[in-house]
Amino acid sequence: MDINQGNILDDDKMAQLKLGMSKEQVRFIVGTPMLDDMFHANRWDYIYFHKAGKDAPVQRKFALFFDANGKLERSEPPLSELPTLPLNTL
């Protein structure tokens, strides 16, 4: 049985992210973050976990950071790397 948890992060949607986008625009494109910490309101963490049958589980994760005005300021890893962010074997 396949197990998917978290935000399904497909490359097409991640490629649409641009610096300067509002939180609402980001949420529309990639969905609500898995982790939305009230102590770090300007950081959103996205995590995707996939386990296909007997294969090793894999995960994909990234963090988005917003400025004081709620505009996308940066990401870890950088936005240019997100569309090809690999699924890491756990």
C-alpha atoms as a PDB file:
ATOM      1  CA  MET A   1       0.000   0.000   0.000  1.00  0.00           C
ATOM      2  CA  ASP A   2       1.300   3.477  -0.869  1.00  0.00           C
ATOM      3  CA  ILE A   3       1.450   6.050   1.925  1.00  0.00           C
ATOM      4  CA  ASN A   4       1.506   9.803   1.219  1.00  0.00           C
ATOM      5  CA  GLN A   5       1.700  12.388   3.980  1.00  0.00           C
ATOM      6  CA  GLY A   6       2.087  16.135   4.004  1.00  0.00           C
ATOM      7  CA  ASN A   7       1.938  18.524   1.096  1.00  0.00           C
ATOM      8  CA  ILE A   8       2.116  16.927  -2.354  1.00  0.00           C
ATOM      9  CA  LEU A   9       4.812  19.104  -3.894  1.00  0.00           C
ATOM     10  CA  ASP A  10       4.803  18.755  -7.654  1.00  0.00           C
ATOM     11  CA  ASP A  11       7.441  20.476  -9.754  1.00  0.00           C
ATOM     12  CA  ASP A  12       4.961  22.500 -11.839  1.00  0.00           C
ATOM     13  CA  LYS A  13       3.519  24.235  -8.799  1.00  0.00           C
ATOM     14  CA  MET A  14       6.878  24.848  -7.142  1.00  0.00           C
ATOM     15  CA  ALA A  15       8.165  26.423 -10.370  1.00  0.00           C
ATOM     16  CA  GLN A  16       5.395  29.049 -10.112  1.00  0.00           C
ATOM     17  CA  LEU A  17       6.749  30.462  -6.839  1.00  0.00           C
ATOM     18  CA  LYS A  18       8.352  33.905  -7.219  1.00  0.00           C
ATOM     19  CA  LEU A  19       9.955  36.278  -4.752  1.00  0.00           C
ATOM     20  CA  GLY A  20       7.608  39.087  -3.746  1.00  0.00           C
ATOM     21  CA  MET A  21       4.456  36.941  -3.774  1.00  0.00           C
ATOM     22  CA  SER A  22       1.995  37.438  -0.921  1.00  0.00           C
ATOM     23  CA  LYS A  23       1.249  34.691   1.597  1.00  0.00           C
ATOM     24  CA  GLU A  24      -2.171  34.266  -0.023  1.00  0.00           C
ATOM     25  CA  GLN A  25      -0.640  33.751  -3.472  1.00  0.00           C
ATOM     26  CA  VAL A  26       1.825  31.191  -2.116  1.00  0.00           C
ATOM     27  CA  ARG A  27      -0.945  29.342  -0.250  1.00  0.00           C
ATOM     28  CA  PHE A  28      -3.026  29.247  -3.466  1.00  0.00           C
ATOM     29  CA  ILE A  29      -0.155  27.693  -5.439  1.00  0.00           C
ATOM     30  CA  VAL A  30       1.359  25.159  -3.020  1.00  0.00           C
ATOM     31  CA  GLY A  31      -1.287  24.910  -0.293  1.00  0.00           C
ATOM     32  CA  THR A  32      -1.236  25.406   3.435  1.00  0.00           C
ATOM     33  CA  PRO A  33       2.151  24.659   4.998  1.00  0.00           C
ATOM     34  CA  MET A  34       2.592  21.546   7.133  1.00  0.00           C
ATOM     35  CA  LEU A  35       4.258  23.641   9.816  1.00  0.00           C
ATOM     36  CA  ASP A  36       2.995  27.151  10.528  1.00  0.00           C
ATOM     37  CA  ASP A  37       4.734  28.060  13.785  1.00  0.00           C
ATOM     38  CA  MET A  38       3.095  30.859  15.782  1.00  0.00           C
ATOM     39  CA  PHE A  39       6.533  31.850  17.112  1.00  0.00           C
ATOM     40  CA  HIS A  40       7.924  32.144  13.568  1.00  0.00           C
ATOM     41  CA  ALA A  41       4.956  33.553  11.649  1.00  0.00           C
ATOM     42  CA  ASN A  42       7.157  34.509   8.700  1.00  0.00           C
ATOM     43  CA  ARG A  43       8.457  30.967   8.115  1.00  0.00           C
ATOM     44  CA  TRP A  44       6.407  28.234   6.448  1.00  0.00           C
ATOM     45  CA  ASP A  45       7.689  24.661   6.228  1.00  0.00           C
ATOM     46  CA  TYR A  46       6.471  22.243   3.571  1.00  0.00           C
ATOM     47  CA  ILE A  47       7.127  18.525   3.968  1.00  0.00           C
ATOM     48  CA  TYR A  48       6.081  15.625   1.754  1.00  0.00           C
ATOM     49  CA  PHE A  49       6.583  11.978   2.706  1.00  0.00           C
ATOM     50  CA  HIS A  50       5.959   9.069   0.318  1.00  0.00           C
ATOM     51  CA  LYS A  51       6.261   5.334   0.921  1.00  0.00           C
ATOM     52  CA  ALA A  52       5.480   3.141  -2.082  1.00  0.00           C
ATOM     53  CA  GLY A  53       4.877  -0.478  -1.142  1.00  0.00           C
ATOM     54  CA  LYS A  54       8.097  -2.101  -0.009  1.00  0.00           C
ATOM     55  CA  ASP A  55      10.321   0.656  -1.432  1.00  0.00           C
ATOM     56  CA  ALA A  56      12.328   2.877   0.882  1.00  0.00           C
ATOM     57  CA  PRO A  57      10.394   5.938   2.083  1.00  0.00           C
ATOM     58  CA  VAL A  58      11.302   9.271   0.526  1.00  0.00           C
ATOM     59  CA  GLN A  59      10.691  12.855   1.574  1.00  0.00           C
ATOM     60  CA  ARG A  60      10.872  16.313   0.070  1.00  0.00           C
ATOM     61  CA  LYS A  61      10.971  19.461   2.193  1.00  0.00           C
ATOM     62  CA  PHE A  62      11.580  23.182   1.930  1.00  0.00           C
ATOM     63  CA  ALA A  63      10.995  26.355   3.931  1.00  0.00           C
ATOM     64  CA  LEU A  64       9.626  29.695   2.746  1.00  0.00           C
ATOM     65  CA  PHE A  65      10.417  32.972   4.513  1.00  0.00           C
ATOM     66  CA  PHE A  66       8.320  36.138   4.323  1.00  0.00           C
ATOM     67  CA  ASP A  67       9.249  39.736   5.131  1.00  0.00           C
ATOM     68  CA  ALA A  68       7.365  41.944   7.633  1.00  0.00           C
ATOM     69  CA  ASN A  69       4.870  42.899   4.887  1.00  0.00           C
ATOM     70  CA  GLY A  70       4.002  39.250   4.162  1.00  0.00           C
ATOM     71  CA  LYS A  71       5.898  39.050   0.857  1.00  0.00           C
ATOM     72  CA  LEU A  72       7.982  36.007  -0.073  1.00  0.00           C
ATOM     73  CA  GLU A  73      11.573  36.965   0.680  1.00  0.00           C
ATOM     74  CA  ARG A  74      13.579  33.739   0.275  1.00  0.00           C
ATOM     75  CA  SER A  75      13.437  29.965   0.499  1.00  0.00           C
ATOM     76  CA  GLU A  76      15.677  27.161   1.693  1.00  0.00           C
ATOM     77  CA  PRO A  77      16.777  25.696  -0.659  1.00  0.00           C
ATOM     78  CA  PRO A  78      16.649  28.667  -3.092  1.00  0.00           C
ATOM     79  CA  LEU A  79      13.620  28.985  -5.401  1.00  0.00           C
ATOM     80  CA  SER A  80      15.782  28.189  -8.441  1.00  0.00           C
ATOM     81  CA  GLU A  81      16.384  24.688  -7.012  1.00  0.00           C
ATOM     82  CA  LEU A  82      12.788  23.931  -5.962  1.00  0.00           C
ATOM     83  CA  PRO A  83      11.352  22.613  -9.248  1.00  0.00           C
ATOM     84  CA  THR A  84      13.999  19.891  -9.265  1.00  0.00           C
ATOM     85  CA  LEU A  85      14.131  19.295  -5.511  1.00  0.00           C
ATOM     86  CA  PRO A  86      14.862  15.568  -5.247  1.00  0.00           C
ATOM     87  CA  LEU A  87      12.905  13.096  -3.229  1.00  0.00           C
ATOM     88  CA  ASN A  88      15.438  12.050  -0.584  1.00  0.00           C
ATOM     89  CA  THR A  89      15.525   8.419   0.491  1.00  0.00           C
ATOM     90  CA  LEU A  90      15.209   8.117   4.261  1.00  0.00           C
END
